């Protein structure tokens, strides 16, 4: 994938929506492994699933990719569109989280990616490298994304904001700070002229308005703001149970909202969800609500998630 055409396409994808492209591919596979997308439950979805592609890649690691077909890119766009807008035939609800939106005003990167068409020869090798890996025993197979936490998605996002892809205008070497610089005749060449290379991009985090919240700050915010609100909420639920109004208690139980109006990579919200789950589970162990227990026992069902205004 070092042809002039391939380099131009990769650079265009990277500069218009590289973070969305990489995160979208990983996010889709993670959602399939966590049963948030209907892989294995809906044959119509399975025909286009990212895991189906991963298994196909792993079964034939030497397969070549067509230089005119766009089947891989079209399948990926179909999945991203389903996550954003829903697909009733696939049993996928409209999550509408924004990452896959095609609206040019709210998500320029998503709109740019939707307007692009990468051939299988351009997209296939990169997608295969992302979805297939070698295990400890030397066996190659699809990457299992079930162990990837949502918090790690935030870390990936932060890293992508600080990075960029470029095409080397000439031979490049690394200086003592690890930055790419034009190579002298007597220096080791890390990147050949015309090759695509991955490098840091100073100031990207600030310019996008995305900031990483340190763990100690997240925990302090949870202790000082979330815990009192949870205690008040669950106290109201307990009061209804004590007067025998189980129906009202069940209705109120899930009526709890948290908003991060300056969300960057989602570290605070992920930690908040973990804390809420722990408190809710402990409460139900002490004060069982049969209706709520029945709802929780129905198994994983994808539900739309969105930021509160």
Protein backbone atom coordinates (compact mmCIF):
# COMPACT_ATOMS: atom_id res chain seq x y z
CA UNK A 1 0.00 0.00 0.00
CA UNK A 2 2.85 2.36 -0.84
CA UNK A 3 1.62 3.41 -4.25
CA UNK A 4 1.07 7.12 -4.83
CA UNK A 5 -2.66 6.49 -4.95
CA UNK A 6 -2.54 4.52 -1.67
CA UNK A 7 -0.50 7.21 0.08
CA UNK A 8 -2.85 9.97 -1.03
CA UNK A 9 -5.89 8.03 0.14
CA UNK A 10 -4.34 7.15 3.50
CA UNK A 11 -3.32 10.75 4.07
CA UNK A 12 -6.79 11.97 3.16
CA UNK A 13 -8.42 9.46 5.52
CA UNK A 14 -6.05 10.36 8.32
CA UNK A 15 -6.44 14.12 8.02
CA UNK A 16 -10.22 14.09 7.56
CA UNK A 17 -11.20 11.48 10.12
CA UNK A 18 -8.36 9.20 11.16
CA UNK A 19 -9.43 9.01 14.81
CA UNK A 20 -13.02 8.25 13.86
CA UNK A 21 -11.90 5.59 11.37
CA UNK A 22 -9.68 3.72 13.84
CA UNK A 23 -12.01 4.12 16.82
CA UNK A 24 -15.02 3.20 14.71
CA UNK A 25 -13.42 -0.06 13.60
CA UNK A 26 -12.38 -0.98 17.14
CA UNK A 27 -15.67 0.19 18.63
CA UNK A 28 -17.66 -2.00 16.25
CA UNK A 29 -15.66 -5.10 17.11
CA UNK A 30 -15.86 -4.35 20.83
CA UNK A 31 -19.64 -3.94 20.58
CA UNK A 32 -19.94 -7.28 18.78
CA UNK A 33 -17.86 -9.10 21.39
CA UNK A 34 -19.90 -7.50 24.20
CA UNK A 35 -23.24 -8.44 22.53
CA UNK A 36 -24.13 -4.76 22.06
CA UNK A 37 -24.42 -5.48 18.34
CA UNK A 38 -26.33 -8.58 17.20
CA UNK A 39 -23.43 -10.69 15.93
CA UNK A 40 -24.49 -14.35 16.14
CA UNK A 41 -28.12 -13.39 16.75
CA UNK A 42 -29.11 -11.87 13.42
CA UNK A 43 -27.92 -13.55 10.20
CA UNK A 44 -28.57 -10.41 8.16
CA UNK A 45 -26.19 -8.48 10.38
CA UNK A 46 -23.67 -11.35 10.43
CA UNK A 47 -23.17 -11.09 6.67
CA UNK A 48 -21.72 -7.59 7.15
CA UNK A 49 -20.24 -7.97 10.66
CA UNK A 50 -16.71 -6.84 11.42
CA UNK A 51 -16.10 -10.16 13.19
CA UNK A 52 -17.06 -11.98 10.01
CA UNK A 53 -14.38 -9.98 8.21
CA UNK A 54 -11.88 -10.77 10.97
CA UNK A 55 -12.54 -14.50 10.70
CA UNK A 56 -12.19 -14.34 6.93
CA UNK A 57 -8.86 -12.51 7.26
CA UNK A 58 -7.58 -15.05 9.83
CA UNK A 59 -8.60 -18.00 7.66
CA UNK A 60 -6.49 -16.80 4.74
CA UNK A 61 -3.66 -14.50 5.80
CA UNK A 62 -2.22 -14.47 2.28
CA UNK A 63 -5.38 -13.31 0.52
CA UNK A 64 -5.02 -10.45 -1.92
CA UNK A 65 -7.34 -7.48 -2.11
CA UNK A 66 -9.07 -6.21 -5.21
CA UNK A 67 -7.92 -2.83 -6.48
CA UNK A 68 -11.35 -1.70 -7.73
CA UNK A 69 -13.89 -3.28 -5.32
CA UNK A 70 -15.01 -1.33 -2.24
CA UNK A 71 -16.84 -4.15 -0.43
CA UNK A 72 -14.86 -3.85 2.83
CA UNK A 73 -15.36 -0.10 3.05
CA UNK A 74 -19.05 -0.41 2.16
CA UNK A 75 -19.60 -2.99 4.91
CA UNK A 76 -17.89 -0.76 7.46
CA UNK A 77 -19.95 2.27 6.44
CA UNK A 78 -23.13 0.18 6.71
CA UNK A 79 -22.29 -0.80 10.29
CA UNK A 80 -21.35 2.74 11.30
CA UNK A 81 -24.57 4.06 9.80
CA UNK A 82 -26.61 1.40 11.63
CA UNK A 83 -25.02 2.35 14.96
CA UNK A 84 -25.76 6.01 14.32
CA UNK A 85 -29.25 5.82 12.80
CA UNK A 86 -30.38 2.26 13.56
CA UNK A 87 -31.27 -0.67 11.31
CA UNK A 88 -34.49 -2.55 12.14
CA UNK A 89 -33.63 -5.44 9.80
CA UNK A 90 -30.43 -5.99 11.77
CA UNK A 91 -32.07 -5.40 15.20
CA UNK A 92 -29.73 -2.47 15.83
CA UNK A 93 -31.21 0.56 17.63
CA UNK A 94 -30.15 4.12 16.88
CA UNK A 95 -27.37 4.74 19.41
CA UNK A 96 -26.83 8.27 18.06
CA UNK A 97 -23.62 8.83 20.00
CA UNK A 98 -22.18 11.26 17.45
CA UNK A 99 -19.01 9.38 16.48
CA UNK A 100 -20.65 7.95 13.35
CA UNK A 101 -22.85 10.91 12.46
CA UNK A 102 -22.65 12.03 8.83
CA UNK A 103 -23.80 15.55 9.59
CA UNK A 104 -21.15 17.94 8.28
CA UNK A 105 -21.96 20.58 10.90
CA UNK A 106 -21.75 18.43 14.03
CA UNK A 107 -19.23 15.85 12.79
CA UNK A 108 -17.03 16.99 9.86
CA UNK A 109 -14.84 13.88 10.17
CA UNK A 110 -17.81 11.53 9.91
CA UNK A 111 -19.17 13.41 6.91
CA UNK A 112 -15.79 13.27 5.19
CA UNK A 113 -15.44 9.53 5.79
CA UNK A 114 -18.97 8.88 4.52
CA UNK A 115 -18.13 10.69 1.29
CA UNK A 116 -14.96 8.66 0.72
CA UNK A 117 -14.57 5.31 -1.01
CA UNK A 118 -11.50 3.21 -0.25
CA UNK A 119 -10.86 0.16 -2.39
CA UNK A 120 -10.27 -3.23 -0.80
CA UNK A 121 -6.59 -2.94 -1.78
CA UNK A 122 -6.31 0.36 0.10
CA UNK A 123 -8.41 -0.49 3.16
CA UNK A 124 -8.00 -4.25 3.46
CA UNK A 125 -4.39 -4.53 4.67
CA UNK A 126 -4.89 -1.89 7.38
CA UNK A 127 -8.19 -3.42 8.53
CA UNK A 128 -6.63 -6.89 8.62
CA UNK A 129 -3.73 -5.62 10.73
CA UNK A 130 -6.23 -4.08 13.17
CA UNK A 131 -8.49 -7.13 13.49
CA UNK A 132 -6.04 -10.07 13.37
CA UNK A 133 -3.17 -10.74 15.76
CA UNK A 134 -0.78 -13.50 16.83
CA UNK A 135 -1.49 -15.24 20.15
CA UNK A 136 1.07 -16.46 22.72
CA UNK A 137 1.16 -19.87 21.02
CA UNK A 138 1.96 -18.36 17.64
CA UNK A 139 -1.53 -18.93 16.26
CA UNK A 140 -3.03 -16.06 14.31
CA UNK A 141 -6.71 -15.26 14.76
CA UNK A 142 -9.27 -12.49 15.33
CA UNK A 143 -8.45 -10.13 18.18
CA UNK A 144 -10.71 -10.65 21.21
CA UNK A 145 -11.88 -7.17 22.16
CA UNK A 146 -13.96 -8.31 25.16
CA UNK A 147 -11.11 -7.55 27.55
CA UNK A 148 -10.81 -3.96 26.30
CA UNK A 149 -12.43 -1.62 28.81
CA UNK A 150 -14.39 1.46 27.84
CA UNK A 151 -11.84 3.53 29.76
CA UNK A 152 -9.13 2.17 27.46
CA UNK A 153 -11.15 3.53 24.53
CA UNK A 154 -10.65 6.96 26.06
CA UNK A 155 -6.93 6.37 26.25
CA UNK A 156 -6.88 5.36 22.58
CA UNK A 157 -8.83 8.47 21.69
CA UNK A 158 -6.41 10.71 23.58
CA UNK A 159 -3.46 9.09 21.82
CA UNK A 160 -5.02 9.57 18.41
CA UNK A 161 -5.67 13.24 19.12
CA UNK A 162 -1.96 13.67 19.75
CA UNK A 163 -0.93 11.86 16.57
CA UNK A 164 -1.13 12.19 12.82
CA UNK A 165 -0.23 10.42 9.59
CA UNK A 166 1.89 12.09 6.92
CA UNK A 167 3.76 11.19 3.77
CA UNK A 168 7.52 11.64 4.11
CA UNK A 169 8.72 14.30 1.65
CA UNK A 170 12.21 12.82 1.90
CA UNK A 171 14.18 10.27 3.99
CA UNK A 172 13.56 10.79 7.73
CA UNK A 173 15.52 9.84 10.84
CA UNK A 174 14.78 10.30 14.56
CA UNK A 175 16.47 12.97 16.65
CA UNK A 176 17.36 12.61 20.34
CA UNK A 177 13.82 13.65 21.33
CA UNK A 178 12.24 10.95 19.17
CA UNK A 179 10.95 13.37 16.55
CA UNK A 180 11.20 12.75 12.83
CA UNK A 181 13.68 15.04 11.05
CA UNK A 182 15.26 15.04 7.57
CA UNK A 183 17.98 12.38 7.51
CA UNK A 184 21.60 13.25 6.84
CA UNK A 185 23.73 11.03 4.64
CA UNK A 186 25.39 9.30 7.63
CA UNK A 187 22.17 8.76 9.66
CA UNK A 188 19.93 5.70 9.86
CA UNK A 189 16.78 6.22 7.79
CA UNK A 190 13.61 5.37 9.70
CA UNK A 191 11.15 6.38 6.97
CA UNK A 192 11.83 6.36 3.25
CA UNK A 193 10.71 9.18 1.00
CA UNK A 194 7.07 8.70 -0.02
CA UNK A 195 6.21 6.37 2.86
CA UNK A 196 3.34 7.01 5.25
CA UNK A 197 4.51 7.50 8.83
CA UNK A 198 2.88 8.02 12.24
CA UNK A 199 4.05 10.95 14.36
CA UNK A 200 3.13 13.27 17.22
CA UNK A 201 1.15 16.40 16.48
CA UNK A 202 1.70 19.12 19.06
CA UNK A 203 -1.31 21.05 20.32
CA UNK A 204 -3.98 18.76 18.86
CA UNK A 205 -5.59 18.02 22.21
CA UNK A 206 -5.97 21.69 23.07
CA UNK A 207 -7.31 22.66 19.67
CA UNK A 208 -10.03 19.99 19.77
CA UNK A 209 -11.12 20.93 23.28
CA UNK A 210 -10.45 17.41 24.58
CA UNK A 211 -8.63 16.94 27.86
CA UNK A 212 -7.63 13.92 29.89
CA UNK A 213 -8.96 13.91 33.46
CA UNK A 214 -6.52 12.31 35.88
CA UNK A 215 -7.80 9.39 37.97
CA UNK A 216 -7.42 11.16 41.32
CA UNK A 217 -9.54 14.07 40.04
CA UNK A 218 -12.20 11.70 38.73
CA UNK A 219 -12.41 9.91 42.08
CA UNK A 220 -12.65 13.22 43.96
CA UNK A 221 -15.51 14.38 41.72
CA UNK A 222 -17.32 11.09 42.20
CA UNK A 223 -16.94 11.23 45.98
CA UNK A 224 -17.93 14.88 46.27
CA UNK A 225 -20.69 15.13 43.66
CA UNK A 226 -21.97 11.71 42.59
CA UNK A 227 -22.06 9.86 45.92
CA UNK A 228 -24.30 12.42 47.69
CA UNK A 229 -26.69 12.42 44.71
CA UNK A 230 -26.79 8.61 44.71
CA UNK A 231 -27.46 8.52 48.45
CA UNK A 232 -30.37 10.95 48.05
CA UNK A 233 -31.80 9.06 45.09
CA UNK A 234 -31.62 5.63 46.71
CA UNK A 235 -33.00 7.10 49.92
CA UNK A 236 -36.11 8.16 48.02
CA UNK A 237 -36.43 4.67 46.53
CA UNK A 238 -36.05 3.09 49.98
CA UNK A 239 -38.73 5.40 51.43
CA UNK A 240 -41.21 4.20 48.81
CA UNK A 241 -40.41 0.57 49.58
CA UNK A 242 -40.90 1.17 53.28
CA UNK A 243 -44.47 2.37 52.70
CA UNK A 244 -45.16 -0.58 50.41
CA UNK A 245 -45.27 1.27 47.07
CA UNK A 246 -43.12 -1.16 45.09
CA UNK A 247 -44.41 0.02 41.69
CA UNK A 248 -43.36 3.62 42.34
CA UNK A 249 -40.01 2.46 43.72
CA UNK A 250 -39.36 0.40 40.58
CA UNK A 251 -40.31 3.37 38.37
CA UNK A 252 -38.03 5.72 40.31
CA UNK A 253 -35.08 3.32 40.57
CA UNK A 254 -33.71 3.91 37.05
CA UNK A 255 -34.66 7.59 36.97
CA UNK A 256 -31.13 8.81 37.62
CA UNK A 257 -29.06 10.86 35.16
CA UNK A 258 -25.46 11.97 34.99
CA UNK A 259 -24.08 14.50 32.50
CA UNK A 260 -20.51 15.51 31.70
CA UNK A 261 -21.06 18.73 29.79
CA UNK A 262 -17.35 19.12 28.97
CA UNK A 263 -16.69 15.49 28.07
CA UNK A 264 -13.44 14.70 26.32
CA UNK A 265 -12.51 11.02 26.23
CA UNK A 266 -15.26 9.95 28.65
CA UNK A 267 -13.10 8.94 31.65
CA UNK A 268 -15.42 10.64 34.15
CA UNK A 269 -18.61 9.16 32.72
CA UNK A 270 -17.14 5.66 32.54
CA UNK A 271 -16.04 5.85 36.17
CA UNK A 272 -19.44 7.27 37.12
CA UNK A 273 -21.23 4.36 35.43
CA UNK A 274 -19.03 1.90 37.31
CA UNK A 275 -19.83 3.64 40.60
CA UNK A 276 -23.57 3.78 39.87
CA UNK A 277 -23.66 0.10 38.95
CA UNK A 278 -21.91 -0.86 42.18
CA UNK A 279 -24.26 1.25 44.35
CA UNK A 280 -27.40 0.06 42.57
CA UNK A 281 -26.35 -3.60 42.86
CA UNK A 282 -25.59 -3.24 46.57
CA UNK A 283 -28.94 -1.51 47.14
CA UNK A 284 -30.89 -4.29 45.41
CA UNK A 285 -29.10 -6.91 47.46
CA UNK A 286 -30.39 -5.22 50.63
CA UNK A 287 -33.74 -4.01 49.29
CA UNK A 288 -34.92 -6.38 46.53
CA UNK A 289 -37.36 -4.98 43.95
CA UNK A 290 -38.78 -7.92 41.94
CA UNK A 291 -39.76 -5.77 38.96
CA UNK A 292 -36.27 -4.32 38.70
CA UNK A 293 -34.64 -7.73 39.17
CA UNK A 294 -36.79 -9.11 36.35
CA UNK A 295 -35.76 -6.24 34.07
CA UNK A 296 -32.06 -6.78 34.83
CA UNK A 297 -32.42 -10.51 34.26
CA UNK A 298 -33.65 -10.13 30.70
CA UNK A 299 -30.04 -10.13 29.47
CA UNK A 300 -27.99 -7.63 27.54
CA UNK A 301 -30.05 -5.45 25.23
CA UNK A 302 -28.55 -2.59 23.29
CA UNK A 303 -29.95 0.75 24.36
CA UNK A 304 -29.32 4.19 22.91
CA UNK A 305 -26.85 6.31 24.82
CA UNK A 306 -26.53 10.05 24.35
CA UNK A 307 -25.20 13.05 26.21
CA UNK A 308 -27.74 15.16 28.00
CA UNK A 309 -28.06 18.72 26.69
